[in-house]
Amino acid sequence: LLSQLVAAAWPYAAAAHSGEEHAWE
């Protein structure tokens, strides 16, 4: 349920967070 909200906010938040180093593992 929280992930749904982050997915909806991601177009706005991606610029600040997409460069963070995370992997699915």
PDB file of all heavy atoms in Angstrom:
ATOM      1  N   LEU A   1       0.832  -1.204   0.000  1.00  0.00           N
ATOM      2  CA  LEU A   1       0.000   0.000   0.000  1.00  0.00           C
ATOM      3  C   LEU A   1       0.871   1.261   0.000  1.00  0.00           C
ATOM      4  O   LEU A   1       0.568   2.235  -0.699  1.00  0.00           O
ATOM      5  CB  LEU A   1      -0.936  -0.006   1.209  1.00  0.00           C
ATOM      6  CG  LEU A   1      -2.117  -0.964   1.096  1.00  0.00           C
ATOM      7  CD1 LEU A   1      -2.808  -1.116   2.448  1.00  0.00           C
ATOM      8  CD2 LEU A   1      -3.103  -0.481   0.049  1.00  0.00           C
ATOM      9  N   LEU A   2       1.958   1.240   0.759  1.00  0.00           N
ATOM     10  CA  LEU A   2       2.859   2.389   0.747  1.00  0.00           C
ATOM     11  C   LEU A   2       3.650   2.439  -0.551  1.00  0.00           C
ATOM     12  O   LEU A   2       3.904   3.518  -1.099  1.00  0.00           O
ATOM     13  CB  LEU A   2       3.804   2.330   1.949  1.00  0.00           C
ATOM     14  CG  LEU A   2       4.754   3.516   2.112  1.00  0.00           C
ATOM     15  CD1 LEU A   2       3.975   4.836   2.185  1.00  0.00           C
ATOM     16  CD2 LEU A   2       5.613   3.348   3.355  1.00  0.00           C
ATOM     17  N   SER A   3       4.018   1.273  -1.071  1.00  0.00           N
ATOM     18  CA  SER A   3       4.752   1.236  -2.336  1.00  0.00           C
ATOM     19  C   SER A   3       3.931   1.828  -3.475  1.00  0.00           C
ATOM     20  O   SER A   3       4.477   2.470  -4.381  1.00  0.00           O
ATOM     21  CB  SER A   3       5.148  -0.207  -2.669  1.00  0.00           C
ATOM     22  OG  SER A   3       6.020  -0.731  -1.688  1.00  0.00           O
ATOM     23  N   GLN A   4       2.617   1.623  -3.443  1.00  0.00           N
ATOM     24  CA  GLN A   4       1.742   2.227  -4.451  1.00  0.00           C
ATOM     25  C   GLN A   4       1.864   3.746  -4.441  1.00  0.00           C
ATOM     26  O   GLN A   4       1.916   4.395  -5.493  1.00  0.00           O
ATOM     27  CB  GLN A   4       0.284   1.837  -4.187  1.00  0.00           C
ATOM     28  CG  GLN A   4      -0.073   0.403  -4.480  1.00  0.00           C
ATOM     29  CD  GLN A   4      -1.493   0.073  -4.058  1.00  0.00           C
ATOM     30  OE1 GLN A   4      -2.238   0.936  -3.589  1.00  0.00           O
ATOM     31  NE2 GLN A   4      -1.871  -1.183  -4.197  1.00  0.00           N
ATOM     32  N   LEU A   5       1.907   4.316  -3.251  1.00  0.00           N
ATOM     33  CA  LEU A   5       2.005   5.769  -3.135  1.00  0.00           C
ATOM     34  C   LEU A   5       3.353   6.271  -3.645  1.00  0.00           C
ATOM     35  O   LEU A   5       3.434   7.306  -4.312  1.00  0.00           O
ATOM     36  CB  LEU A   5       1.813   6.189  -1.676  1.00  0.00           C
ATOM     37  CG  LEU A   5       0.443   5.896  -1.062  1.00  0.00           C
ATOM     38  CD1 LEU A   5       0.400   6.381   0.382  1.00  0.00           C
ATOM     39  CD2 LEU A   5      -0.673   6.547  -1.870  1.00  0.00           C
ATOM     40  N   VAL A   6       4.415   5.537  -3.335  1.00  0.00           N
ATOM     41  CA  VAL A   6       5.736   5.941  -3.816  1.00  0.00           C
ATOM     42  C   VAL A   6       5.805   5.828  -5.335  1.00  0.00           C
ATOM     43  O   VAL A   6       6.396   6.680  -6.001  1.00  0.00           O
ATOM     44  CB  VAL A   6       6.834   5.095  -3.149  1.00  0.00           C
ATOM     45  CG1 VAL A   6       8.199   5.381  -3.774  1.00  0.00           C
ATOM     46  CG2 VAL A   6       6.878   5.388  -1.657  1.00  0.00           C
ATOM     47  N   ALA A   7       5.193   4.801  -5.890  1.00  0.00           N
ATOM     48  CA  ALA A   7       5.160   4.666  -7.350  1.00  0.00           C
ATOM     49  C   ALA A   7       4.461   5.863  -7.985  1.00  0.00           C
ATOM     50  O   ALA A   7       4.899   6.385  -9.020  1.00  0.00           O
ATOM     51  CB  ALA A   7       4.448   3.368  -7.744  1.00  0.00           C
ATOM     52  N   ALA A   8       3.379   6.320  -7.360  1.00  0.00           N
ATOM     53  CA  ALA A   8       2.659   7.481  -7.881  1.00  0.00           C
ATOM     54  C   ALA A   8       3.479   8.760  -7.738  1.00  0.00           C
ATOM     55  O   ALA A   8       3.394   9.669  -8.573  1.00  0.00           O
ATOM     56  CB  ALA A   8       1.321   7.628  -7.157  1.00  0.00           C
ATOM     57  N   ALA A   9       4.291   8.838  -6.682  1.00  0.00           N
ATOM     58  CA  ALA A   9       5.105  10.032  -6.449  1.00  0.00           C
ATOM     59  C   ALA A   9       6.436   9.989  -7.185  1.00  0.00           C
ATOM     60  O   ALA A   9       7.114  11.020  -7.292  1.00  0.00           O
ATOM     61  CB  ALA A   9       5.360  10.193  -4.944  1.00  0.00           C
ATOM     62  N   TRP A  10       6.829   8.825  -7.695  1.00  0.00           N
ATOM     63  CA  TRP A  10       8.158   8.662  -8.274  1.00  0.00           C
ATOM     64  C   TRP A  10       8.472   9.644  -9.413  1.00  0.00           C
ATOM     65  O   TRP A  10       9.613  10.130  -9.498  1.00  0.00           O
ATOM     66  CB  TRP A  10       8.359   7.228  -8.725  1.00  0.00           C
ATOM     67  CG  TRP A  10       9.771   6.915  -9.118  1.00  0.00           C
ATOM     68  CD1 TRP A  10      10.232   6.533 -10.339  1.00  0.00           C
ATOM     69  CD2 TRP A  10      10.932   6.954  -8.274  1.00  0.00           C
ATOM     70  NE1 TRP A  10      11.585   6.332 -10.322  1.00  0.00           N
ATOM     71  CE2 TRP A  10      12.045   6.583  -9.058  1.00  0.00           C
ATOM     72  CE3 TRP A  10      11.134   7.274  -6.922  1.00  0.00           C
ATOM     73  CZ2 TRP A  10      13.342   6.526  -8.544  1.00  0.00           C
ATOM     74  CZ3 TRP A  10      12.417   7.223  -6.413  1.00  0.00           C
ATOM     75  CH2 TRP A  10      13.503   6.857  -7.212  1.00  0.00           C
ATOM     76  N   PRO A  11       7.517   9.970 -10.300  1.00  0.00           N
ATOM     77  CA  PRO A  11       7.839  10.963 -11.338  1.00  0.00           C
ATOM     78  C   PRO A  11       8.326  12.289 -10.763  1.00  0.00           C
ATOM     79  O   PRO A  11       9.098  13.003 -11.410  1.00  0.00           O
ATOM     80  CB  PRO A  11       6.511  11.130 -12.078  1.00  0.00           C
ATOM     81  CG  PRO A  11       5.812   9.825 -11.897  1.00  0.00           C
ATOM     82  CD  PRO A  11       6.164   9.407 -10.500  1.00  0.00           C
ATOM     83  N   TYR A  12       7.882  12.631  -9.553  1.00  0.00           N
ATOM     84  CA  TYR A  12       8.318  13.865  -8.899  1.00  0.00           C
ATOM     85  C   TYR A  12       9.606  13.639  -8.098  1.00  0.00           C
ATOM     86  O   TYR A  12      10.460  14.517  -8.007  1.00  0.00           O
ATOM     87  CB  TYR A  12       7.239  14.386  -7.955  1.00  0.00           C
ATOM     88  CG  TYR A  12       5.905  14.624  -8.622  1.00  0.00           C
ATOM     89  CD1 TYR A  12       4.940  13.612  -8.678  1.00  0.00           C
ATOM     90  CD2 TYR A  12       5.600  15.851  -9.189  1.00  0.00           C
ATOM     91  CE1 TYR A  12       3.716  13.825  -9.287  1.00  0.00           C
ATOM     92  CE2 TYR A  12       4.373  16.073  -9.809  1.00  0.00           C
ATOM     93  CZ  TYR A  12       3.444  15.044  -9.851  1.00  0.00           C
ATOM     94  OH  TYR A  12       2.232  15.256 -10.469  1.00  0.00           O
ATOM     95  N   ALA A  13       9.727  12.471  -7.506  1.00  0.00           N
ATOM     96  CA  ALA A  13      10.837  12.203  -6.589  1.00  0.00           C
ATOM     97  C   ALA A  13      12.073  11.648  -7.286  1.00  0.00           C
ATOM     98  O   ALA A  13      13.169  11.686  -6.712  1.00  0.00           O
ATOM     99  CB  ALA A  13      10.381  11.219  -5.509  1.00  0.00           C
ATOM    100  N   ALA A  14      11.929  11.131  -8.491  1.00  0.00           N
ATOM    101  CA  ALA A  14      13.024  10.420  -9.154  1.00  0.00           C
ATOM    102  C   ALA A  14      14.272  11.266  -9.310  1.00  0.00           C
ATOM    103  O   ALA A  14      15.395  10.768  -9.138  1.00  0.00           O
ATOM    104  CB  ALA A  14      12.563   9.907 -10.516  1.00  0.00           C
ATOM    105  N   ALA A  15      14.101  12.539  -9.636  1.00  0.00           N
ATOM    106  CA  ALA A  15      15.270  13.394  -9.876  1.00  0.00           C
ATOM    107  C   ALA A  15      16.188  13.446  -8.665  1.00  0.00           C
ATOM    108  O   ALA A  15      17.414  13.480  -8.798  1.00  0.00           O
ATOM    109  CB  ALA A  15      14.808  14.802 -10.252  1.00  0.00           C
ATOM    110  N   ALA A  16      15.599  13.429  -7.490  1.00  0.00           N
ATOM    111  CA  ALA A  16      16.395  13.528  -6.265  1.00  0.00           C
ATOM    112  C   ALA A  16      16.905  12.175  -5.778  1.00  0.00           C
ATOM    113  O   ALA A  16      17.862  12.120  -4.993  1.00  0.00           O
ATOM    114  CB  ALA A  16      15.578  14.192  -5.160  1.00  0.00           C
ATOM    115  N   HIS A  17      16.282  11.075  -6.219  1.00  0.00           N
ATOM    116  CA  HIS A  17      16.604   9.774  -5.635  1.00  0.00           C
ATOM    117  C   HIS A  17      17.069   8.715  -6.629  1.00  0.00           C
ATOM    118  O   HIS A  17      17.577   7.673  -6.203  1.00  0.00           O
ATOM    119  CB  HIS A  17      15.375   9.233  -4.888  1.00  0.00           C
ATOM    120  CG  HIS A  17      14.919  10.108  -3.763  1.00  0.00           C
ATOM    121  ND1 HIS A  17      15.524  10.103  -2.524  1.00  0.00           N
ATOM    122  CD2 HIS A  17      13.918  11.040  -3.691  1.00  0.00           C
ATOM    123  CE1 HIS A  17      14.911  10.981  -1.738  1.00  0.00           C
ATOM    124  NE2 HIS A  17      13.946  11.565  -2.422  1.00  0.00           N
ATOM    125  N   SER A  18      16.899   8.935  -7.928  1.00  0.00           N
ATOM    126  CA  SER A  18      17.216   7.874  -8.889  1.00  0.00           C
ATOM    127  C   SER A  18      18.705   7.560  -8.960  1.00  0.00           C
ATOM    128  O   SER A  18      19.098   6.479  -9.399  1.00  0.00           O
ATOM    129  CB  SER A  18      16.708   8.256 -10.286  1.00  0.00           C
ATOM    130  OG  SER A  18      17.284   9.482 -10.706  1.00  0.00           O
ATOM    131  N   GLY A  19      19.554   8.485  -8.529  1.00  0.00           N
ATOM    132  CA  GLY A  19      20.983   8.238  -8.560  1.00  0.00           C
ATOM    133  C   GLY A  19      21.506   7.438  -7.378  1.00  0.00           C
ATOM    134  O   GLY A  19      22.692   7.094  -7.331  1.00  0.00           O
ATOM    135  N   GLU A  20      20.663   7.132  -6.428  1.00  0.00           N
ATOM    136  CA  GLU A  20      21.092   6.373  -5.254  1.00  0.00           C
ATOM    137  C   GLU A  20      21.427   4.936  -5.650  1.00  0.00           C
ATOM    138  O   GLU A  20      20.795   4.353  -6.514  1.00  0.00           O
ATOM    139  CB  GLU A  20      19.992   6.404  -4.193  1.00  0.00           C
ATOM    140  CG  GLU A  20      19.702   7.813  -3.680  1.00  0.00           C
ATOM    141  CD  GLU A  20      18.500   7.879  -2.763  1.00  0.00           C
ATOM    142  OE1 GLU A  20      17.941   6.804  -2.454  1.00  0.00           O
ATOM    143  OE2 GLU A  20      18.133   8.987  -2.358  1.00  0.00           O
ATOM    144  N   GLU A  21      22.432   4.384  -5.011  1.00  0.00           N
ATOM    145  CA  GLU A  21      22.914   3.059  -5.381  1.00  0.00           C
ATOM    146  C   GLU A  21      22.141   1.970  -4.645  1.00  0.00           C
ATOM    147  O   GLU A  21      22.390   1.682  -3.471  1.00  0.00           O
ATOM    148  CB  GLU A  21      24.412   2.950  -5.076  1.00  0.00           C
ATOM    149  CG  GLU A  21      25.270   3.874  -5.931  1.00  0.00           C
ATOM    150  CD  GLU A  21      26.758   3.664  -5.681  1.00  0.00           C
ATOM    151  OE1 GLU A  21      27.096   2.732  -4.914  1.00  0.00           O
ATOM    152  OE2 GLU A  21      27.550   4.426  -6.249  1.00  0.00           O
ATOM    153  N   HIS A  22      21.198   1.383  -5.351  1.00  0.00           N
ATOM    154  CA  HIS A  22      20.426   0.258  -4.811  1.00  0.00           C
ATOM    155  C   HIS A  22      20.260  -0.771  -5.913  1.00  0.00           C
ATOM    156  O   HIS A  22      20.166  -0.428  -7.095  1.00  0.00           O
ATOM    157  CB  HIS A  22      19.050   0.717  -4.320  1.00  0.00           C
ATOM    158  CG  HIS A  22      19.096   1.649  -3.149  1.00  0.00           C
ATOM    159  ND1 HIS A  22      19.382   1.220  -1.876  1.00  0.00           N
ATOM    160  CD2 HIS A  22      18.916   2.991  -3.076  1.00  0.00           C
ATOM    161  CE1 HIS A  22      19.361   2.265  -1.056  1.00  0.00           C
ATOM    162  NE2 HIS A  22      19.093   3.346  -1.755  1.00  0.00           N
ATOM    163  N   ALA A  23      20.218  -2.029  -5.527  1.00  0.00           N
ATOM    164  CA  ALA A  23      19.982  -3.128  -6.454  1.00  0.00           C
ATOM    165  C   ALA A  23      18.882  -4.009  -5.891  1.00  0.00           C
ATOM    166  O   ALA A  23      18.634  -4.008  -4.681  1.00  0.00           O
ATOM    167  CB  ALA A  23      21.264  -3.935  -6.661  1.00  0.00           C
ATOM    168  N   TRP A  24      18.224  -4.775  -6.752  1.00  0.00           N
ATOM    169  CA  TRP A  24      17.141  -5.629  -6.277  1.00  0.00           C
ATOM    170  C   TRP A  24      17.646  -6.639  -5.257  1.00  0.00           C
ATOM    171  O   TRP A  24      16.895  -7.075  -4.384  1.00  0.00           O
ATOM    172  CB  TRP A  24      16.479  -6.347  -7.455  1.00  0.00           C
ATOM    173  CG  TRP A  24      15.718  -5.418  -8.351  1.00  0.00           C
ATOM    174  CD1 TRP A  24      15.939  -5.165  -9.665  1.00  0.00           C
ATOM    175  CD2 TRP A  24      14.597  -4.598  -7.980  1.00  0.00           C
ATOM    176  NE1 TRP A  24      15.033  -4.243 -10.145  1.00  0.00           N
ATOM    177  CE2 TRP A  24      14.198  -3.879  -9.141  1.00  0.00           C
ATOM    178  CE3 TRP A  24      13.895  -4.396  -6.791  1.00  0.00           C
ATOM    179  CZ2 TRP A  24      13.133  -2.981  -9.117  1.00  0.00           C
ATOM    180  CZ3 TRP A  24      12.834  -3.509  -6.766  1.00  0.00           C
ATOM    181  CH2 TRP A  24      12.461  -2.816  -7.930  1.00  0.00           C
ATOM    182  N   GLU A  25      18.931  -6.994  -5.346  1.00  0.00           N
ATOM    183  CA  GLU A  25      19.493  -7.957  -4.383  1.00  0.00           C
ATOM    184  C   GLU A  25      19.563  -7.399  -2.971  1.00  0.00           C
ATOM    185  O   GLU A  25      19.798  -8.142  -2.019  1.00  0.00           O
ATOM    186  CB  GLU A  25      20.897  -8.378  -4.842  1.00  0.00           C
ATOM    187  CG  GLU A  25      20.939  -9.209  -6.107  1.00  0.00           C
ATOM    188  CD  GLU A  25      20.685  -8.389  -7.376  1.00  0.00           C
ATOM    189  OE1 GLU A  25      20.838  -7.138  -7.309  1.00  0.00           O
ATOM    190  OE2 GLU A  25      20.327  -8.983  -8.400  1.00  0.00           O
TER     191      GLU A  25
END
